[in-house]
Structure formats: structure tokens, C-alpha cells
Amino acid sequence: MAESRENWGTKLGLILAMAGNAIGLGNFWRFPYQAASNGGGAFMLPYFAALLVLGIPIMYVEWMQGRFGGKHGHGTLGCTVYLQSKDAMGDGFAAIIGAVAGMLVFSVTTLVNAYYNHIIGWTLGYTYLSLTGGYMDKAKSSADVFVHYIQTPGLSFMFWIIALALLCYALSRGVQKGIEAWARFMMPLLYVLGFILIIRALTLGSPANPDWSPLKGLDYLWSPRWSDLKWTSALAAAGQIFFTLSLGMGIIQNYASYLKPDDDIVLSATTTVFLNEFAEVILGGSIAIPIAYTFLGMDGIKSGVGLSFIALPNVFRMMPGGGIFGAFWFLVLFFAGFTSAIAMYNYLIALLEEDLNVPRKTGAILVFLLYILVGLPVGLEPALTKTADLAFLTELDNWVGSYLLVIMGLLEVIVVGWLFGSKRSLEEMNRGSYWKISEAFFNVMIKWVTPLAAAILLIFSTKDYIKAGYFKIIPSFVEKTPILVPWVQGARVLLLFILILGFTEAYVTIKRKYGKAQAGQSAKA
């Protein structure tokens, strides 16, 4: 019988926390330049197709796995996957599958936050710089200001530590007083600030160039440019769906594990998707691009990953009231990033609580120290190499922030669709649900279409990675900068260590919790 676990206090708190988990930096920072550089309006066709065949089905799967795991006392994925696989595969193979799932999720929640927390620190730091005029001096380019920021540990580390300390404090207070309370504060404020920025963005006029205006920026973003739509655009769209919905990370399952047995997961999962897509497509697509286009034209949109920290600060210092609106923008990014990071942080606390019996407050401090340890190279690299290439961050993001998510998503739908089976999966999904998942939807989508789509995405992503040189001993992106090679190799060593540690921890936990029961059953037989 599962031990008593904390539950969400209110349905609204759950929805806001889940939406905060999904709504992250990818909605406001990654989505605009992905859409603009991959066909604009044409990009939205594969984007919504990926949402339908990958995003929504996997979201239902993860909510179901989470509530199922919580019923058995598990907020982490290794034991949950084991329980859902053992009848079809036997205890031995199921333990291995569960350990692989635990390994992948442990690696993602540990290493994504290793660099994600730094970016959250940047957003907090740039909020401060916006209010104090730190990047308003036009004698310095906004690129030079950003490079100086990340190459100055005293500055960048201060805001990184502040962000981590806030996460530690929030998580030490538990589900209702911590996660739920912060989500109820941050998420409504994020939407309010987002709407203020949209109104300001759409009323800018054409101050820099008669041909540059907010509406023309929106037109550039949303008008289909069919010549730019290629297979790589479809891959980018599918990858964005995984990234934006936080799929394949185990954190949706972790949050769903705190549900009550008859809580509606179908409606809740659907609402989470809607809130995330509203934030991404409406808010994310209507703030950064119109502002950047109005002052910088096409060069602003093409700024890519530098859009938020280089292009937009350059805009804010040309804009009336730019310091205030700049602070609003970076607060939106901070709230979005913080509510996603809090979910990854909580996964590791749940692992310590449930597998090692570590009290929550102690676990929050231990995870704080872990994130300091694994995040140090991300912060030290720019200062020590005197570059802004961030090779350590890039290498981690290539694997744990993209590739492993797809592998995990594929594993989840195979476990639920084929190993746990349609009868038990549908019963678990539909328990307490106002809307019911039909058997036809399950058998067509979750058993066939979704795993096939995930497999195709994984195959072509692998081909792209090979073509880009990511599988080489010295990846192509650092071949011409030898000073960065040790940082890439260091990221790989850390990734390998975390994978081994994650597999070992999950496997030992499964065997400790369920090995005796297996042995007892064998003796009776």
C-alpha cells in the first residue's frame, strides 16, 4: 500500500503549476526565432501536426503515468515504468526498462537545470540592468554588454545563486505552500505582463524606418513562406513541441503523482496544453518579433538565440520607457523559466524523499548543492576562455535538452500503448474524467501513430546530428576553436557519469522495493 503523499490544494493551483511547468523560456525566447527562420506561417503546419500526433497523446500518457505512480507512492519514473511493464515483460526486463527510464529522466532534470538555471539568472540580472540602465549606454553595443555580463562571474554568479536560492526556498515548503503558491502568484502575473507588452508592441508605430512596423513584423512571422519550408522545418517544429510542453522529462509525471485517485486528468492535460499554446503562439509570437522588427527590421528577427539578450536590449534603449518595458520582458522570461525549473528541481527532491528517505527540506538543500556543482562549468567557461561560445552549455543542450527527450517520449508511449495495454491504460486515463479517451483514439494514436512519429523524429534527428558532426570525438562546432574542446569533452564526461548514476540509482531502487516481492512469488511457485 502506498504511503500517504501530499496532494494539490486546489484544481486551479494544479493547472497553474502544470502550465508553469510547460510554459518556459522556449515559449518566449525559442519559439519566435524558430518560427521566423523556418517558414513563418508555413512552419505552423508541421508545428500543429506535431502537436496533434505527438504533443497531446504523450501529454495524456504522462498524466496517466504520473497519477498511476502516485497511487503506488512513486513521483519518479523508474518504479512507475517497471510496474507498467512487468506483466508483459517479466520482472527482470521490466527492471531494466524502468532503470533506463529513470536514467533518462534523472539525466534531463539534473543537466538541463545545470544550464537552464544560469539562463534564469541572466533574465533576473537583465531585469536589474533594465531598471538601473545597465545596458542603456549606446557607446557600448548590446552584444558587448552581454559578453561582459557572462564573462564577469561576480555579476552573473550573483543572480544565478539568487535564482537557485529562490528555487530552494520554494521547494522546501512542499507542494501546496511551495510549488502551488508560487505558480498562483507567477502565472497570472506572467499573463498580465505579457498582455501589457503586446499592447506596447502593437502601438509602436514606425519610429526607426517607415517600412518597419509591428504589423509588418507579425506579417513576416505568420505569412507562409513556402520556399523556406523543408524537412528540417518539420523536425524543428516537432522538436519545439517536445521542448515547449516539457515532454520526456518526467516532470509532468512527477506533478501528476500528487493528484488524488479520481482527479480528472484528461481535462487537466488538455487545459495545460491550451494554456501553453496560448502563451507560446499568442504571447510569445506577438511580443518579441514585432518589437525587434519595428526597430531592427529583418536583422532583428534573424537574431536567433541572441534575440532576447542582444537584439531586444538594443531596442529597449531606443524605445520610450524602454527600461520599464525591458524589465517587464525579462520578468516574463524569469517567471516562465522559474516555474519550469521548479518542476525539474522537485523531481530530484522526490527522488531523494522516496528512494533514500531524505526529508524534503534537507533534499532541497542537497539539490541546491548539486546544481551548484554541475552548473559551475557553465558559468566559468566564458570567464576562463574569454569567449561567448558557451560550448559546455551547447553540448549538454544538444543531448539532454533535445535528443534524450525524444527517446524518452518514444519509450513512454511504447510502455503505455503496448506493455501496460489499452484496457488498463484507458481505465486509468478515464477514471474521474469528464471527457473520455476513446478506445479508437488510443489504439490508433497512442499505439501506432504517436510512436511511429516519435521514431521517425528520432531517426531523422540522428541523421541530422551525424551530419552536423555531433557524434564526432571533436564535434564540428568546436573544430576551429581548440580552447573549447576540453569544455565539450568535460560536458560529455559529466553526461556519461550522470547517465550511469541515474541507471544505477533507479535499478537498485526497483530491486530494493520490489525484489523481495519477486523472490516471495518465486518461492511460492
Protein backbone atom coordinates (compact mmCIF):
# COMPACT_ATOMS: atom_id res chain seq x y z
CA MET A 1 0.00 0.00 0.00
CA ALA A 2 1.41 3.40 -0.92
CA GLU A 3 2.27 5.74 1.91
CA SER A 4 0.30 8.96 2.28
CA ARG A 5 1.59 11.67 -0.08
CA GLU A 6 0.91 15.38 -0.28
CA ASN A 7 -1.77 16.44 -2.78
CA TRP A 8 -2.52 19.62 -4.67
CA GLY A 9 -4.64 22.05 -2.67
CA THR A 10 -6.91 23.24 -5.49
CA LYS A 11 -7.68 22.39 -9.11
CA LEU A 12 -6.65 25.92 -10.13
CA GLY A 13 -3.33 25.56 -8.33
CA LEU A 14 -2.68 22.28 -10.14
CA ILE A 15 -3.49 23.74 -13.56
CA LEU A 16 -1.35 26.84 -12.98
CA ALA A 17 1.56 24.71 -11.72
CA MET A 18 1.30 22.37 -14.70
CA ALA A 19 1.04 25.33 -17.07
CA GLY A 20 4.05 26.90 -15.35
CA ASN A 21 5.92 23.65 -15.83
CA ALA A 22 5.17 23.67 -19.57
CA ILE A 23 5.44 27.44 -20.13
CA GLY A 24 9.15 28.19 -20.07
CA LEU A 25 11.84 30.14 -21.85
CA GLY A 26 11.09 28.19 -25.01
CA ASN A 27 7.71 29.90 -25.38
CA PHE A 28 9.05 33.45 -25.45
CA TRP A 29 12.69 33.00 -26.44
CA ARG A 30 12.91 29.91 -28.65
CA PHE A 31 9.57 29.80 -30.47
CA PRO A 32 9.68 33.23 -32.22
CA TYR A 33 13.02 32.68 -33.94
CA GLN A 34 12.26 29.02 -34.72
CA ALA A 35 9.04 30.03 -36.48
CA ALA A 36 10.57 33.05 -38.24
CA SER A 37 13.55 31.09 -39.57
CA ASN A 38 11.58 28.02 -40.69
CA GLY A 39 8.93 29.43 -42.99
CA GLY A 40 6.87 31.71 -40.75
CA GLY A 41 3.22 30.78 -41.24
CA ALA A 42 4.30 27.68 -43.16
CA PHE A 43 6.13 26.47 -40.04
CA MET A 44 2.82 26.35 -38.20
CA LEU A 45 1.54 23.46 -40.34
CA PRO A 46 4.13 20.91 -39.12
CA TYR A 47 4.01 22.59 -35.71
CA PHE A 48 0.29 21.92 -35.20
CA ALA A 49 0.62 18.50 -36.84
CA ALA A 50 3.30 17.61 -34.29
CA LEU A 51 1.08 18.96 -31.52
CA LEU A 52 -1.73 16.62 -32.60
CA VAL A 53 0.26 13.44 -33.24
CA LEU A 54 2.98 13.85 -30.59
CA GLY A 55 2.19 16.57 -28.06
CA ILE A 56 -1.37 15.82 -26.99
CA PRO A 57 -1.14 11.98 -26.96
CA ILE A 58 2.13 11.99 -25.00
CA MET A 59 0.66 14.57 -22.61
CA TYR A 60 -2.23 12.18 -21.83
CA VAL A 61 0.26 9.32 -21.39
CA GLU A 62 2.41 11.29 -18.96
CA TRP A 63 -0.52 12.49 -16.86
CA MET A 64 -1.77 8.93 -16.61
CA GLN A 65 1.67 7.57 -15.67
CA GLY A 66 2.01 10.24 -13.02
CA ARG A 67 -1.30 9.58 -11.29
CA PHE A 68 -0.71 5.83 -11.54
CA GLY A 69 2.75 6.20 -9.98
CA GLY A 70 1.42 8.42 -7.20
CA LYS A 71 -1.16 5.78 -6.31
CA HIS A 72 1.77 3.43 -5.63
CA GLY A 73 3.82 6.06 -3.79
CA HIS A 74 6.10 7.00 -6.71
CA GLY A 75 6.71 10.52 -8.00
CA THR A 76 9.71 9.40 -10.06
CA LEU A 77 9.57 7.36 -13.20
CA GLY A 78 11.76 4.29 -12.73
CA CYS A 79 9.39 2.34 -10.47
CA THR A 80 6.32 3.53 -12.38
CA VAL A 81 7.64 2.23 -15.70
CA TYR A 82 8.65 -1.02 -14.00
CA LEU A 83 5.13 -1.54 -12.64
CA GLN A 84 3.56 -0.83 -16.03
CA SER A 85 5.96 -3.17 -17.86
CA LYS A 86 6.38 -6.18 -15.59
CA ASP A 87 3.27 -8.15 -16.56
CA ALA A 88 4.18 -8.01 -20.26
CA MET A 89 7.98 -8.38 -19.97
CA GLY A 90 8.67 -10.15 -16.70
CA ASP A 91 10.39 -8.70 -13.66
CA GLY A 92 13.96 -8.81 -14.99
CA PHE A 93 13.41 -6.98 -18.29
CA ALA A 94 10.90 -4.61 -16.67
CA ALA A 95 13.50 -3.61 -14.08
CA ILE A 96 15.93 -2.76 -16.88
CA ILE A 97 13.29 -0.75 -18.79
CA GLY A 98 12.38 1.06 -15.59
CA ALA A 99 16.04 1.79 -14.87
CA VAL A 100 16.54 3.17 -18.40
CA ALA A 101 13.54 5.46 -17.92
CA GLY A 102 14.83 6.56 -14.52
CA MET A 103 18.28 7.15 -16.01
CA LEU A 104 17.00 9.33 -18.85
CA VAL A 105 14.77 11.45 -16.62
CA PHE A 106 17.42 11.84 -13.91
CA SER A 107 19.90 12.99 -16.56
CA VAL A 108 17.47 15.51 -18.06
CA THR A 109 16.33 17.01 -14.75
CA THR A 110 19.91 17.26 -13.49
CA LEU A 111 21.70 18.54 -16.58
CA VAL A 112 19.04 20.71 -18.22
CA ASN A 113 18.82 22.70 -14.99
CA ALA A 114 22.62 22.86 -14.91
CA TYR A 115 22.43 25.48 -17.69
CA TYR A 116 18.74 26.45 -17.58
CA ASN A 117 19.23 27.95 -14.11
CA HIS A 118 22.02 30.13 -15.49
CA ILE A 119 19.70 31.48 -18.18
CA ILE A 120 17.10 32.18 -15.48
CA GLY A 121 19.83 34.07 -13.64
CA TRP A 122 20.50 36.07 -16.82
CA THR A 123 16.82 37.07 -17.00
CA LEU A 124 16.91 38.20 -13.37
CA GLY A 125 20.17 40.06 -13.97
CA TYR A 126 18.81 41.77 -17.06
CA THR A 127 15.69 42.81 -15.13
CA TYR A 128 18.06 44.59 -12.78
CA LEU A 129 20.06 46.07 -15.68
CA SER A 130 16.81 47.29 -17.26
CA LEU A 131 15.76 49.16 -14.13
CA THR A 132 19.24 50.59 -13.44
CA GLY A 133 20.11 51.49 -17.04
CA GLY A 134 22.88 48.89 -17.16
CA TYR A 135 22.65 48.36 -20.91
CA MET A 136 21.36 51.82 -21.91
CA ASP A 137 24.76 53.30 -22.80
CA LYS A 138 24.71 53.48 -26.61
CA ALA A 139 28.51 53.77 -26.68
CA LYS A 140 28.60 50.03 -25.99
CA SER A 141 26.88 47.52 -28.25
CA SER A 142 24.28 45.30 -26.61
CA ALA A 143 26.41 42.32 -27.69
CA ASP A 144 29.40 43.70 -25.75
CA VAL A 145 27.18 44.25 -22.70
CA PHE A 146 26.02 40.61 -22.81
CA VAL A 147 29.55 39.26 -23.30
CA HIS A 148 30.77 41.36 -20.36
CA TYR A 149 27.87 40.07 -18.26
CA ILE A 150 28.56 36.37 -18.80
CA GLN A 151 32.35 36.86 -18.55
CA THR A 152 32.04 38.57 -15.16
CA PRO A 153 31.45 35.81 -12.59
CA GLY A 154 30.81 38.28 -9.77
CA LEU A 155 27.81 39.61 -11.69
CA SER A 156 26.41 36.54 -13.44
CA PHE A 157 27.03 34.20 -10.47
CA MET A 158 25.22 36.53 -8.08
CA PHE A 159 21.93 36.35 -9.99
CA TRP A 160 22.41 32.62 -10.68
CA ILE A 161 22.78 31.96 -6.94
CA ILE A 162 19.78 34.18 -6.15
CA ALA A 163 17.63 32.22 -8.63
CA LEU A 164 18.82 28.90 -7.16
CA ALA A 165 18.21 30.10 -3.61
CA LEU A 166 14.64 31.12 -4.50
CA LEU A 167 14.08 27.68 -6.03
CA CYS A 168 15.48 26.01 -2.91
CA TYR A 169 13.23 28.06 -0.63
CA ALA A 170 10.12 27.43 -2.76
CA LEU A 171 10.68 23.67 -2.96
CA SER A 172 11.50 23.30 0.75
CA ARG A 173 7.91 24.37 1.52
CA GLY A 174 6.29 21.44 -0.26
CA VAL A 175 3.65 21.08 -2.95
CA GLN A 176 0.85 23.35 -1.70
CA LYS A 177 2.85 26.03 0.14
CA GLY A 178 5.74 25.92 -2.31
CA ILE A 179 5.06 24.87 -5.90
CA GLU A 180 1.37 25.75 -5.93
CA ALA A 181 1.76 29.07 -4.09
CA TRP A 182 4.50 30.32 -6.42
CA ALA A 183 2.56 29.21 -9.51
CA ARG A 184 -0.58 31.02 -8.32
CA PHE A 185 1.49 34.21 -7.99
CA MET A 186 3.76 33.97 -11.04
CA MET A 187 1.50 32.61 -13.75
CA PRO A 188 -1.26 35.27 -13.62
CA LEU A 189 1.40 37.98 -13.42
CA LEU A 190 3.18 36.48 -16.44
CA TYR A 191 -0.02 36.77 -18.50
CA VAL A 192 -0.67 40.33 -17.26
CA LEU A 193 2.84 41.50 -18.16
CA GLY A 194 2.58 39.63 -21.46
CA PHE A 195 -0.58 41.49 -22.45
CA ILE A 196 0.97 44.83 -21.44
CA LEU A 197 3.95 44.08 -23.70
CA ILE A 198 1.67 43.05 -26.58
CA ILE A 199 -0.25 46.33 -26.34
CA ARG A 200 3.02 48.28 -26.26
CA ALA A 201 4.48 46.24 -29.13
CA LEU A 202 1.46 46.81 -31.37
CA THR A 203 1.35 50.58 -30.71
CA LEU A 204 4.98 51.38 -31.51
CA GLY A 205 4.30 52.78 -34.98
CA SER A 206 7.37 53.10 -37.27
CA PRO A 207 9.92 55.12 -35.29
CA ALA A 208 13.06 53.75 -36.96
CA ASN A 209 12.03 53.14 -40.58
CA PRO A 210 8.74 53.72 -42.45
CA ASP A 211 8.93 50.14 -43.76
CA TRP A 212 9.35 48.66 -40.29
CA SER A 213 6.28 48.35 -38.09
CA PRO A 214 4.82 45.89 -35.57
CA LEU A 215 2.16 44.67 -38.02
CA LYS A 216 4.77 44.05 -40.69
CA GLY A 217 6.74 42.08 -38.10
CA LEU A 218 3.70 39.94 -37.41
CA ASP A 219 3.10 39.59 -41.13
CA TYR A 220 6.68 38.39 -41.60
CA LEU A 221 6.24 35.86 -38.81
CA TRP A 222 2.85 34.49 -39.83
CA SER A 223 2.80 34.78 -43.63
CA PRO A 224 3.63 31.38 -45.15
CA ARG A 225 6.99 31.36 -46.94
CA TRP A 226 6.67 28.01 -48.65
CA SER A 227 10.16 28.15 -50.14
CA ASP A 228 11.63 28.07 -46.61
CA LEU A 229 9.56 25.06 -45.56
CA LYS A 230 11.79 21.98 -45.70
CA TRP A 231 12.10 18.68 -43.91
CA THR A 232 14.37 20.37 -41.37
CA SER A 233 11.48 22.74 -40.59
CA ALA A 234 9.25 19.78 -39.74
CA LEU A 235 11.97 18.40 -37.45
CA ALA A 236 12.34 21.81 -35.80
CA ALA A 237 8.57 22.01 -35.29
CA ALA A 238 8.40 18.55 -33.69
CA GLY A 239 11.40 19.33 -31.51
CA GLN A 240 9.75 22.57 -30.40
CA ILE A 241 6.63 20.64 -29.31
CA PHE A 242 8.72 18.37 -27.06
CA PHE A 243 10.64 21.36 -25.68
CA THR A 244 7.66 23.65 -25.11
CA LEU A 245 5.39 21.05 -23.46
CA SER A 246 8.23 19.66 -21.28
CA LEU A 247 7.62 16.17 -22.68
CA GLY A 248 10.06 13.34 -22.00
CA MET A 249 11.41 14.98 -18.81
CA GLY A 250 9.42 13.05 -16.20
CA ILE A 251 8.29 16.28 -14.56
CA ILE A 252 4.69 16.06 -15.77
CA GLN A 253 4.51 12.59 -14.21
CA ASN A 254 6.03 13.99 -11.03
CA TYR A 255 3.40 16.74 -10.72
CA ALA A 256 0.59 14.35 -11.67
CA SER A 257 1.72 11.93 -8.95
CA TYR A 258 0.32 14.38 -6.37
CA LEU A 259 -3.20 14.02 -7.80
CA LYS A 260 -5.98 12.32 -5.91
CA PRO A 261 -7.06 8.92 -7.36
CA ASP A 262 -10.19 10.27 -9.09
CA ASP A 263 -8.92 13.66 -10.24
CA ASP A 264 -9.77 14.41 -13.88
CA ILE A 265 -6.55 14.04 -15.87
CA VAL A 266 -7.98 14.29 -19.41
CA LEU A 267 -9.48 17.74 -18.93
CA SER A 268 -6.49 18.89 -16.88
CA ALA A 269 -3.99 17.71 -19.52
CA THR A 270 -5.99 19.37 -22.30
CA THR A 271 -6.17 22.63 -20.33
CA THR A 272 -2.40 22.54 -19.76
CA VAL A 273 -1.79 22.18 -23.49
CA PHE A 274 -4.17 25.06 -24.25
CA LEU A 275 -2.54 27.42 -21.72
CA ASN A 276 0.91 26.58 -23.01
CA GLU A 277 -0.04 27.08 -26.66
CA PHE A 278 -1.79 30.35 -25.85
CA ALA A 279 1.36 31.59 -24.11
CA GLU A 280 3.59 30.43 -26.97
CA VAL A 281 1.61 31.19 -30.11
CA ILE A 282 -0.28 34.30 -28.94
CA LEU A 283 2.01 35.88 -26.32
CA GLY A 284 5.40 34.60 -27.48
CA GLY A 285 4.62 35.26 -31.13
CA SER A 286 3.23 38.74 -30.52
CA ILE A 287 5.88 40.35 -28.32
CA ALA A 288 9.50 39.77 -29.33
CA ILE A 289 9.13 39.68 -33.12
CA PRO A 290 7.03 42.88 -33.57
CA ILE A 291 9.31 44.83 -31.22
CA ALA A 292 12.51 43.60 -32.86
CA TYR A 293 11.17 44.14 -36.39
CA THR A 294 9.96 47.68 -35.61
CA PHE A 295 13.43 48.89 -34.62
CA LEU A 296 15.80 46.46 -36.36
CA GLY A 297 13.91 45.13 -39.36
CA MET A 298 14.67 41.64 -40.61
CA ASP A 299 18.04 41.63 -38.82
CA GLY A 300 16.15 41.72 -35.51
CA ILE A 301 14.11 38.65 -36.34
CA LYS A 302 17.19 36.82 -37.59
CA SER A 303 19.00 37.34 -34.29
CA GLY A 304 18.12 33.76 -33.31
CA VAL A 305 19.17 32.80 -29.80
CA GLY A 306 20.55 36.32 -29.30
CA LEU A 307 17.09 37.83 -29.74
CA SER A 308 16.34 38.21 -26.02
CA PHE A 309 19.71 39.24 -24.61
CA ILE A 310 21.28 41.15 -27.50
CA ALA A 311 18.69 42.34 -30.04
CA LEU A 312 15.91 43.36 -27.65
CA PRO A 313 18.12 45.27 -25.17
CA ASN A 314 19.33 47.25 -28.19
CA VAL A 315 15.67 48.03 -28.90
CA PHE A 316 14.73 48.91 -25.33
CA ARG A 317 17.36 51.63 -25.17
CA MET A 318 15.89 53.27 -28.27
CA MET A 319 12.31 52.97 -27.05
CA PRO A 320 10.46 55.49 -24.85
CA GLY A 321 10.16 53.93 -21.40
CA GLY A 322 12.46 51.16 -22.59
CA GLY A 323 13.84 50.46 -19.13
CA ILE A 324 10.40 49.69 -17.73
CA PHE A 325 9.29 47.61 -20.70
CA GLY A 326 12.65 45.86 -20.72
CA ALA A 327 12.13 44.94 -17.08
CA PHE A 328 8.65 43.63 -17.92
CA TRP A 329 10.10 41.49 -20.74
CA PHE A 330 12.82 39.95 -18.61
CA LEU A 331 10.39 39.38 -15.74
CA VAL A 332 8.16 37.44 -18.15
CA LEU A 333 11.19 35.33 -19.08
CA PHE A 334 12.12 34.92 -15.41
CA PHE A 335 8.64 33.79 -14.36
CA ALA A 336 8.45 31.38 -17.32
CA GLY A 337 11.88 29.93 -16.62
CA PHE A 338 11.43 29.74 -12.84
CA THR A 339 8.14 27.82 -12.98
CA SER A 340 9.72 25.27 -15.33
CA ALA A 341 12.92 24.93 -13.30
CA ILE A 342 10.90 24.40 -10.12
CA ALA A 343 9.41 21.25 -11.68
CA MET A 344 12.82 19.77 -12.54
CA TYR A 345 14.11 20.67 -9.08
CA ASN A 346 11.13 18.95 -7.46
CA TYR A 347 11.74 15.74 -9.40
CA LEU A 348 15.14 15.35 -7.76
CA ILE A 349 13.72 16.15 -4.33
CA ALA A 350 11.03 13.49 -4.86
CA LEU A 351 13.76 11.01 -5.79
CA LEU A 352 15.63 11.74 -2.54
CA GLU A 353 12.42 11.61 -0.49
CA GLU A 354 11.04 8.38 -1.92
CA ASP A 355 14.19 6.39 -2.67
CA LEU A 356 16.52 7.49 0.14
CA ASN A 357 14.05 8.74 2.80
CA VAL A 358 15.64 12.20 2.85
CA PRO A 359 13.35 14.90 4.40
CA ARG A 360 12.10 17.48 1.89
CA LYS A 361 13.95 20.46 3.40
CA THR A 362 17.22 18.53 3.50
CA GLY A 363 16.58 17.32 -0.05
CA ALA A 364 16.03 20.91 -1.25
CA ILE A 365 19.45 21.89 0.14
CA LEU A 366 21.16 18.83 -1.36
CA VAL A 367 19.69 19.54 -4.81
CA PHE A 368 20.78 23.20 -4.43
CA LEU A 369 24.36 22.00 -3.86
CA LEU A 370 24.11 19.54 -6.77
CA TYR A 371 23.02 22.31 -9.13
CA ILE A 372 25.88 24.50 -7.94
CA LEU A 373 28.32 21.67 -8.69
CA VAL A 374 27.05 20.71 -12.15
CA GLY A 375 26.36 24.33 -13.11
CA LEU A 376 29.79 25.75 -12.27
CA PRO A 377 31.37 24.88 -15.65
CA VAL A 378 28.56 26.69 -17.49
CA GLY A 379 29.31 29.89 -15.61
CA LEU A 380 33.11 29.56 -15.56
CA GLU A 381 33.63 28.77 -19.25
CA PRO A 382 33.09 32.32 -20.63
CA ALA A 383 35.32 33.86 -17.96
CA LEU A 384 38.17 31.35 -18.41
CA THR A 385 38.10 31.07 -22.22
CA LYS A 386 37.33 34.76 -22.83
CA THR A 387 34.76 33.74 -25.44
CA ALA A 388 30.97 33.79 -25.58
CA ASP A 389 30.58 30.49 -27.44
CA LEU A 390 29.28 28.52 -24.40
CA ALA A 391 30.41 25.15 -25.74
CA PHE A 392 29.70 23.30 -22.46
CA LEU A 393 26.11 24.56 -22.46
CA THR A 394 25.67 23.81 -26.17
CA GLU A 395 26.89 20.23 -25.85
CA LEU A 396 24.60 19.49 -22.90
CA ASP A 397 21.62 21.11 -24.64
CA ASN A 398 22.22 19.12 -27.83
CA TRP A 399 21.81 15.87 -25.94
CA VAL A 400 19.75 16.29 -22.75
CA GLY A 401 17.73 19.30 -23.91
CA SER A 402 16.72 17.80 -27.24
CA TYR A 403 17.78 14.27 -28.16
CA LEU A 404 17.05 12.40 -24.92
CA LEU A 405 13.58 13.96 -24.72
CA VAL A 406 12.54 12.21 -27.94
CA ILE A 407 13.97 8.87 -26.77
CA MET A 408 12.06 9.18 -23.50
CA GLY A 409 8.83 10.16 -25.27
CA LEU A 410 9.10 7.11 -27.53
CA LEU A 411 9.77 4.83 -24.56
CA GLU A 412 6.73 6.19 -22.68
CA VAL A 413 4.22 5.55 -25.46
CA ILE A 414 5.60 2.05 -26.05
CA VAL A 415 5.28 1.22 -22.34
CA VAL A 416 1.74 2.57 -22.07
CA GLY A 417 0.47 1.56 -25.51
CA TRP A 418 1.95 -1.93 -25.74
CA LEU A 419 3.23 -3.14 -22.37
CA PHE A 420 0.66 -1.76 -19.93
CA GLY A 421 -2.02 -2.30 -22.58
CA SER A 422 -5.07 -0.47 -23.85
CA LYS A 423 -7.57 -1.87 -21.34
CA ARG A 424 -5.68 -0.85 -18.18
CA SER A 425 -4.36 2.38 -19.71
CA LEU A 426 -7.83 3.54 -20.76
CA GLU A 427 -9.29 2.62 -17.40
CA GLU A 428 -6.57 4.64 -15.66
CA MET A 429 -6.86 7.63 -18.02
CA ASN A 430 -10.63 7.85 -17.89
CA ARG A 431 -11.11 7.35 -14.14
CA GLY A 432 -12.78 10.52 -12.85
CA SER A 433 -12.60 12.21 -16.26
CA TYR A 434 -15.47 14.24 -17.67
CA TRP A 435 -14.12 13.73 -21.19
CA LYS A 436 -13.19 10.15 -22.02
CA ILE A 437 -10.33 8.97 -24.21
CA SER A 438 -11.91 6.61 -26.74
CA GLU A 439 -10.58 3.15 -27.47
CA ALA A 440 -10.26 4.12 -31.14
CA PHE A 441 -8.09 7.15 -30.28
CA PHE A 442 -5.90 5.05 -28.03
CA ASN A 443 -5.46 2.18 -30.49
CA VAL A 444 -4.81 4.43 -33.49
CA MET A 445 -2.83 7.29 -31.94
CA ILE A 446 -1.06 6.05 -28.82
CA LYS A 447 -0.35 2.53 -30.07
CA TRP A 448 0.62 3.36 -33.65
CA VAL A 449 0.70 6.94 -34.92
CA THR A 450 2.47 8.59 -31.98
CA PRO A 451 5.27 6.00 -31.52
CA LEU A 452 5.79 5.89 -35.30
CA ALA A 453 6.02 9.69 -35.45
CA ALA A 454 8.43 9.74 -32.48
CA ALA A 455 10.56 7.02 -34.11
CA ILE A 456 10.71 8.96 -37.40
CA LEU A 457 11.67 12.11 -35.49
CA LEU A 458 14.41 10.22 -33.66
CA ILE A 459 15.78 8.63 -36.86
CA PHE A 460 15.96 11.89 -38.80
CA SER A 461 17.25 13.80 -35.79
CA THR A 462 20.05 11.22 -35.54
CA LYS A 463 20.85 11.73 -39.24
CA ASP A 464 20.97 15.49 -38.67
CA TYR A 465 23.22 15.05 -35.64
CA ILE A 466 25.59 12.87 -37.68
CA LYS A 467 25.59 15.43 -40.49
CA ALA A 468 26.26 18.27 -38.03
CA GLY A 469 29.19 16.34 -36.55
CA TYR A 470 27.77 15.94 -33.03
CA PHE A 471 28.79 12.26 -32.89
CA LYS A 472 32.44 13.02 -33.71
CA ILE A 473 35.10 12.85 -30.99
CA ILE A 474 35.63 16.57 -31.58
CA PRO A 475 32.27 17.99 -32.70
CA SER A 476 32.28 20.20 -35.78
CA PHE A 477 31.15 23.29 -33.90
CA VAL A 478 34.43 23.45 -31.92
CA GLU A 479 36.89 22.10 -34.52
CA LYS A 480 38.26 25.57 -35.26
CA THR A 481 38.37 26.71 -31.62
CA PRO A 482 40.69 24.28 -29.75
CA ILE A 483 40.28 26.18 -26.49
CA LEU A 484 36.65 25.00 -26.34
CA VAL A 485 37.35 21.29 -26.97
CA PRO A 486 38.08 20.45 -23.29
CA TRP A 487 34.76 22.02 -22.30
CA VAL A 488 32.86 19.83 -24.78
CA GLN A 489 34.70 16.73 -23.59
CA GLY A 490 34.00 17.75 -19.98
CA ALA A 491 30.29 18.01 -20.77
CA ARG A 492 30.39 14.52 -22.28
CA VAL A 493 32.16 13.05 -19.26
CA LEU A 494 29.59 14.67 -16.96
CA LEU A 495 26.73 13.35 -19.11
CA LEU A 496 28.14 9.81 -19.06
CA PHE A 497 28.64 9.94 -15.28
CA ILE A 498 25.08 11.18 -14.70
CA LEU A 499 23.64 8.51 -17.02
CA ILE A 500 25.47 5.74 -15.15
CA LEU A 501 24.48 7.20 -11.78
CA GLY A 502 20.84 7.55 -12.89
CA PHE A 503 20.62 3.96 -14.17
CA THR A 504 22.26 2.54 -11.05
CA GLU A 505 20.04 4.51 -8.67
CA ALA A 506 16.83 3.55 -10.49
CA TYR A 507 17.76 -0.13 -10.85
CA VAL A 508 18.84 -0.51 -7.21
CA THR A 509 15.65 1.24 -6.05
CA ILE A 510 13.42 -1.02 -8.14
CA LYS A 511 15.18 -4.11 -6.84
CA ARG A 512 15.07 -2.90 -3.24
CA LYS A 513 11.37 -2.03 -3.35
CA TYR A 514 10.12 -4.94 -5.46
CA GLY A 515 12.86 -7.58 -5.32
CA LYS A 516 11.56 -9.19 -2.14
CA ALA A 517 8.07 -9.46 -3.59
CA GLN A 518 9.54 -11.13 -6.68
CA ALA A 519 11.54 -13.53 -4.57
CA GLY A 520 8.47 -14.36 -2.48
CA GLN A 521 6.41 -15.08 -5.57
CA SER A 522 9.17 -17.34 -6.94
CA ALA A 523 9.37 -19.27 -3.66
CA LYS A 524 5.60 -19.84 -3.64
CA ALA A 525 5.71 -21.05 -7.21
